[in-house]
N, C-alpha and C. Protein backbone atom coordinates (compact mmCIF):
# COMPACT_ATOMS: atom_id res chain seq x y z
N MET A 1 -180.98 -97.04 17.54
CA MET A 1 -179.87 -96.90 16.33
C MET A 1 -178.71 -97.19 16.02
N ARG A 2 -178.40 -98.25 15.20
CA ARG A 2 -177.23 -98.80 15.22
C ARG A 2 -176.18 -97.57 14.39
N TYR A 3 -174.95 -97.72 14.86
CA TYR A 3 -173.92 -96.72 14.19
C TYR A 3 -172.85 -97.80 13.75
N SER A 4 -172.37 -97.28 12.76
CA SER A 4 -171.19 -97.97 11.92
C SER A 4 -169.91 -97.88 13.04
N ASP A 5 -168.90 -98.79 12.50
CA ASP A 5 -167.89 -98.71 13.18
C ASP A 5 -167.13 -97.27 13.11
N GLU A 6 -167.13 -96.56 11.85
CA GLU A 6 -166.46 -95.42 11.94
C GLU A 6 -167.13 -94.22 12.55
N GLN A 7 -168.46 -94.26 12.89
CA GLN A 7 -169.22 -93.44 13.65
C GLN A 7 -168.89 -93.44 14.95
N ILE A 8 -168.77 -94.78 15.39
CA ILE A 8 -168.65 -94.84 16.94
C ILE A 8 -166.97 -94.61 16.94
N LEU A 9 -166.28 -94.50 15.85
CA LEU A 9 -164.75 -94.19 16.18
C LEU A 9 -164.70 -92.84 16.33
N GLU A 10 -165.30 -92.09 15.39
CA GLU A 10 -165.50 -90.39 15.34
C GLU A 10 -166.22 -89.94 16.75
N MET A 11 -167.24 -90.57 16.72
CA MET A 11 -168.06 -90.01 18.32
C MET A 11 -166.98 -90.35 19.51
N GLY A 12 -166.52 -91.45 19.86
CA GLY A 12 -165.84 -91.72 20.98
C GLY A 12 -164.44 -90.89 20.83
N THR A 13 -164.19 -90.79 19.77
CA THR A 13 -162.66 -89.68 19.60
C THR A 13 -163.09 -88.28 19.89
N LYS A 14 -164.08 -87.98 19.50
CA LYS A 14 -164.69 -86.64 19.95
C LYS A 14 -165.23 -86.43 21.23
N CYS A 15 -165.61 -87.61 22.35
CA CYS A 15 -165.99 -87.56 23.35
C CYS A 15 -164.65 -87.25 24.07
N LEU A 16 -163.73 -88.24 23.68
CA LEU A 16 -162.34 -88.18 24.60
C LEU A 16 -161.87 -86.95 24.53
N MET A 17 -161.60 -86.33 23.33
CA MET A 17 -161.08 -85.09 23.25
C MET A 17 -161.84 -83.95 23.83
N ASP A 18 -163.09 -83.80 23.88
CA ASP A 18 -163.82 -83.03 24.58
C ASP A 18 -163.84 -83.31 26.06
N GLY A 19 -163.72 -84.21 26.63
CA GLY A 19 -163.26 -84.46 27.84
C GLY A 19 -161.92 -84.48 28.40
N LEU A 20 -160.86 -84.86 27.77
CA LEU A 20 -159.50 -85.01 28.38
C LEU A 20 -158.64 -83.85 27.50
N GLY A 21 -159.16 -83.45 26.62
CA GLY A 21 -158.08 -82.78 25.54
C GLY A 21 -157.35 -83.48 25.01
N VAL A 22 -156.97 -82.87 23.65
CA VAL A 22 -155.98 -83.76 22.72
C VAL A 22 -154.95 -84.65 23.10
N ILE A 23 -154.13 -84.16 24.21
CA ILE A 23 -152.98 -84.77 24.66
C ILE A 23 -153.34 -85.78 25.47
N ASP A 24 -154.16 -85.69 26.46
CA ASP A 24 -154.70 -86.87 27.49
C ASP A 24 -155.55 -87.72 26.54
N ALA A 25 -156.32 -87.30 25.51
CA ALA A 25 -156.90 -88.53 24.85
C ALA A 25 -155.88 -89.21 24.13
N GLU A 26 -155.01 -88.71 23.36
CA GLU A 26 -153.92 -89.62 22.89
C GLU A 26 -153.06 -90.35 23.74
N ARG A 27 -153.32 -90.01 25.18
CA ARG A 27 -152.47 -90.92 26.14
C ARG A 27 -153.45 -91.91 26.33
N TYR A 28 -154.53 -91.61 26.53
CA TYR A 28 -155.74 -92.67 26.88
C TYR A 28 -155.65 -93.74 25.53
N LEU A 29 -155.65 -93.16 24.35
CA LEU A 29 -155.68 -94.37 23.36
C LEU A 29 -154.34 -95.10 23.16
N MET A 30 -153.17 -94.59 23.55
CA MET A 30 -152.09 -95.33 23.60
C MET A 30 -151.97 -96.44 24.91
N MET A 31 -152.95 -96.15 25.94
CA MET A 31 -153.00 -97.23 27.20
C MET A 31 -153.93 -98.33 26.63
N VAL A 32 -154.66 -97.82 26.08
CA VAL A 32 -155.81 -98.96 25.81
C VAL A 32 -155.90 -99.79 24.30
N ARG A 33 -154.78 -99.19 23.70
CA ARG A 33 -154.69 -99.69 22.13
C ARG A 33 -154.32 -101.22 22.08
N ARG A 34 -155.11 -101.96 21.33
CA ARG A 34 -155.09 -103.18 21.15
C ARG A 34 -154.18 -103.86 20.32
N PRO A 35 -153.10 -104.72 20.74
CA PRO A 35 -151.84 -105.15 19.70
C PRO A 35 -152.70 -105.30 18.42
N GLY A 36 -151.52 -104.79 17.33
CA GLY A 36 -152.21 -105.10 15.91
C GLY A 36 -153.00 -103.84 15.46
N GLY A 37 -153.37 -102.97 16.28
CA GLY A 37 -154.01 -101.74 15.98
C GLY A 37 -153.01 -100.81 14.98
N ASN A 38 -153.70 -99.99 13.91
CA ASN A 38 -153.40 -99.34 12.86
C ASN A 38 -152.94 -98.03 13.56
N TYR A 39 -151.51 -97.68 13.76
CA TYR A 39 -151.19 -96.47 14.53
C TYR A 39 -151.85 -95.20 13.29
N THR A 40 -151.36 -95.50 12.25
CA THR A 40 -151.82 -94.42 11.34
C THR A 40 -153.40 -94.10 11.26
N GLU A 41 -153.84 -95.02 11.06
CA GLU A 41 -155.81 -94.64 11.13
C GLU A 41 -156.17 -94.11 12.46
N GLU A 42 -155.41 -94.85 13.82
CA GLU A 42 -155.90 -94.02 14.68
C GLU A 42 -155.41 -92.51 14.84
N ARG A 43 -154.36 -92.25 14.47
CA ARG A 43 -153.87 -90.82 14.16
C ARG A 43 -154.67 -89.90 13.53
N LYS A 44 -155.33 -90.45 12.28
CA LYS A 44 -156.15 -89.93 11.20
C LYS A 44 -157.39 -89.71 12.17
N ALA A 45 -157.83 -90.53 12.75
CA ALA A 45 -159.39 -90.65 13.68
C ALA A 45 -159.08 -89.26 14.71
N ILE A 46 -158.03 -89.08 15.36
CA ILE A 46 -157.70 -87.91 16.08
C ILE A 46 -157.56 -86.65 15.44
N TYR A 47 -156.85 -86.73 14.38
CA TYR A 47 -156.46 -85.33 14.06
C TYR A 47 -157.04 -84.85 12.59
N ASP A 48 -157.60 -85.52 11.85
CA ASP A 48 -158.07 -85.26 10.49
C ASP A 48 -159.23 -84.22 10.63
N ASN A 49 -159.83 -84.02 11.50
CA ASN A 49 -160.94 -82.99 11.69
C ASN A 49 -160.30 -81.93 12.66
N MET A 50 -159.22 -81.64 12.82
CA MET A 50 -158.60 -80.76 13.53
C MET A 50 -157.81 -79.64 12.77
N THR A 51 -157.73 -78.51 13.20
CA THR A 51 -157.03 -77.62 12.27
C THR A 51 -155.49 -77.61 12.74
N GLU A 52 -154.84 -76.99 12.47
CA GLU A 52 -153.36 -77.00 12.83
C GLU A 52 -153.34 -76.05 14.29
N GLU A 53 -154.08 -75.08 14.11
CA GLU A 53 -154.05 -74.26 15.47
C GLU A 53 -154.38 -75.19 16.77
N GLU A 54 -155.76 -76.07 16.30
CA GLU A 54 -156.33 -76.51 17.42
C GLU A 54 -155.32 -77.72 17.95
N ILE A 55 -154.39 -78.25 17.18
CA ILE A 55 -153.32 -79.16 17.37
C ILE A 55 -152.30 -78.66 18.56
N LEU A 56 -152.05 -77.26 17.66
CA LEU A 56 -151.07 -76.41 18.43
C LEU A 56 -151.28 -75.82 19.82
N GLN A 57 -152.77 -75.69 19.78
CA GLN A 57 -153.26 -75.20 21.36
C GLN A 57 -153.34 -76.48 22.31
N GLY A 58 -153.67 -77.48 21.75
CA GLY A 58 -153.27 -78.79 22.62
C GLY A 58 -152.14 -78.85 23.03
N VAL A 59 -151.07 -78.73 22.00
CA VAL A 59 -149.82 -79.07 22.95
C VAL A 59 -149.44 -77.58 23.71
N ARG A 60 -149.96 -76.53 23.26
CA ARG A 60 -149.76 -75.30 24.50
C ARG A 60 -150.18 -75.62 25.92
N GLU A 61 -151.45 -76.24 25.78
CA GLU A 61 -152.08 -76.54 26.97
C GLU A 61 -151.56 -77.67 27.81
N PHE A 62 -150.90 -78.62 27.14
CA PHE A 62 -150.13 -79.69 27.76
C PHE A 62 -149.22 -79.08 28.53
N MET A 63 -148.26 -78.33 27.82
CA MET A 63 -147.01 -77.71 28.12
C MET A 63 -147.28 -76.85 29.44
N LEU A 64 -148.47 -75.94 29.19
CA LEU A 64 -148.58 -75.20 30.51
C LEU A 64 -148.72 -75.93 31.87
N GLU A 65 -149.55 -77.49 31.46
CA GLU A 65 -149.96 -78.18 32.74
C GLU A 65 -148.79 -79.34 33.05
N HIS A 66 -147.71 -79.18 32.12
CA HIS A 66 -146.61 -80.18 32.46
C HIS A 66 -145.40 -79.50 32.11
N PRO A 67 -144.55 -78.96 32.84
CA PRO A 67 -143.70 -77.98 32.42
C PRO A 67 -142.51 -79.06 32.02
N VAL A 68 -141.76 -78.48 31.36
CA VAL A 68 -140.50 -79.29 30.54
C VAL A 68 -139.58 -79.56 32.22
N GLU A 69 -139.64 -78.86 33.18
CA GLU A 69 -138.69 -79.13 34.21
C GLU A 69 -139.43 -80.25 35.38
N GLU A 70 -140.87 -80.50 34.97
CA GLU A 70 -141.51 -81.49 35.40
C GLU A 70 -141.55 -82.87 34.83
N LEU A 71 -141.59 -82.58 33.50
CA LEU A 71 -141.53 -83.75 32.42
C LEU A 71 -140.04 -84.47 32.83
N PHE A 72 -138.85 -83.97 32.83
CA PHE A 72 -137.50 -84.14 32.98
C PHE A 72 -137.07 -84.32 34.31
N ALA A 73 -137.60 -84.00 35.24
CA ALA A 73 -137.21 -83.78 36.74
C ALA A 73 -136.20 -84.84 37.22
N GLY A 74 -135.07 -84.68 37.40
CA GLY A 74 -134.27 -85.56 37.88
C GLY A 74 -133.47 -86.50 36.76
N ARG A 75 -133.65 -86.14 35.74
CA ARG A 75 -133.06 -86.66 34.88
C ARG A 75 -132.26 -86.00 33.67
N VAL A 76 -131.13 -86.53 33.30
CA VAL A 76 -130.17 -85.69 32.59
C VAL A 76 -130.36 -86.34 31.17
N ILE A 77 -130.64 -85.26 30.36
CA ILE A 77 -131.12 -85.43 28.80
C ILE A 77 -129.82 -85.33 28.01
N VAL A 78 -129.50 -86.41 27.22
CA VAL A 78 -128.15 -86.37 26.29
C VAL A 78 -129.04 -86.63 24.86
N TYR A 79 -128.68 -85.91 24.04
CA TYR A 79 -129.31 -86.05 22.68
C TYR A 79 -129.16 -87.46 22.30
N GLY A 80 -129.76 -88.33 21.75
CA GLY A 80 -129.56 -89.43 21.14
C GLY A 80 -129.31 -90.65 22.02
N GLU A 81 -129.32 -90.51 23.39
CA GLU A 81 -129.35 -91.23 24.51
C GLU A 81 -130.61 -91.15 25.17
N PRO A 82 -131.32 -92.38 25.80
CA PRO A 82 -132.16 -92.22 26.80
C PRO A 82 -131.95 -91.48 27.96
N PRO A 83 -132.81 -91.03 28.38
CA PRO A 83 -132.62 -90.02 29.70
C PRO A 83 -132.33 -91.05 30.86
N ARG A 84 -131.23 -90.41 31.73
CA ARG A 84 -131.00 -91.10 32.75
C ARG A 84 -131.07 -90.36 34.13
N ARG A 85 -131.24 -90.99 35.17
CA ARG A 85 -131.29 -90.47 36.48
C ARG A 85 -130.10 -89.71 36.88
N GLU A 86 -130.15 -88.65 37.61
CA GLU A 86 -128.87 -88.20 38.16
C GLU A 86 -128.62 -88.67 39.63
N THR A 87 -127.28 -88.85 39.66
CA THR A 87 -127.00 -89.50 40.87
C THR A 87 -125.70 -88.38 41.65
N PRO A 88 -125.62 -88.70 42.83
CA PRO A 88 -124.68 -87.49 43.51
C PRO A 88 -123.49 -87.55 42.94
N GLU A 89 -122.97 -88.30 42.16
CA GLU A 89 -121.55 -88.47 41.20
C GLU A 89 -121.71 -87.38 40.16
N ASP A 90 -123.08 -87.36 39.74
CA ASP A 90 -123.06 -86.46 38.41
C ASP A 90 -123.15 -85.04 38.73
N GLU A 91 -123.19 -84.67 40.07
CA GLU A 91 -123.13 -83.48 40.73
C GLU A 91 -121.78 -82.62 40.62
N PRO A 92 -121.57 -81.77 40.37
CA PRO A 92 -120.20 -80.68 40.29
C PRO A 92 -119.76 -80.74 41.52
């Protein structure tokens, strides 16, 4: 059987989300995304068939696996500026 591009995209996205979870599937897609891809259409393919609760559950799972302390370890976060590494002179 030959699948349409839309069917392949839908089936592939489902496999990624089932295997990796929503957040890691998103990360994977960002890594392999071809230049000139359509960000909006890719997001629709990922999130259109999900409920708000499913999306929030994916965020919760990601946060449990990646605590904020781990994500920002060793970096000083200042609103409106990119994170910077702490250095000994940053310590009181």
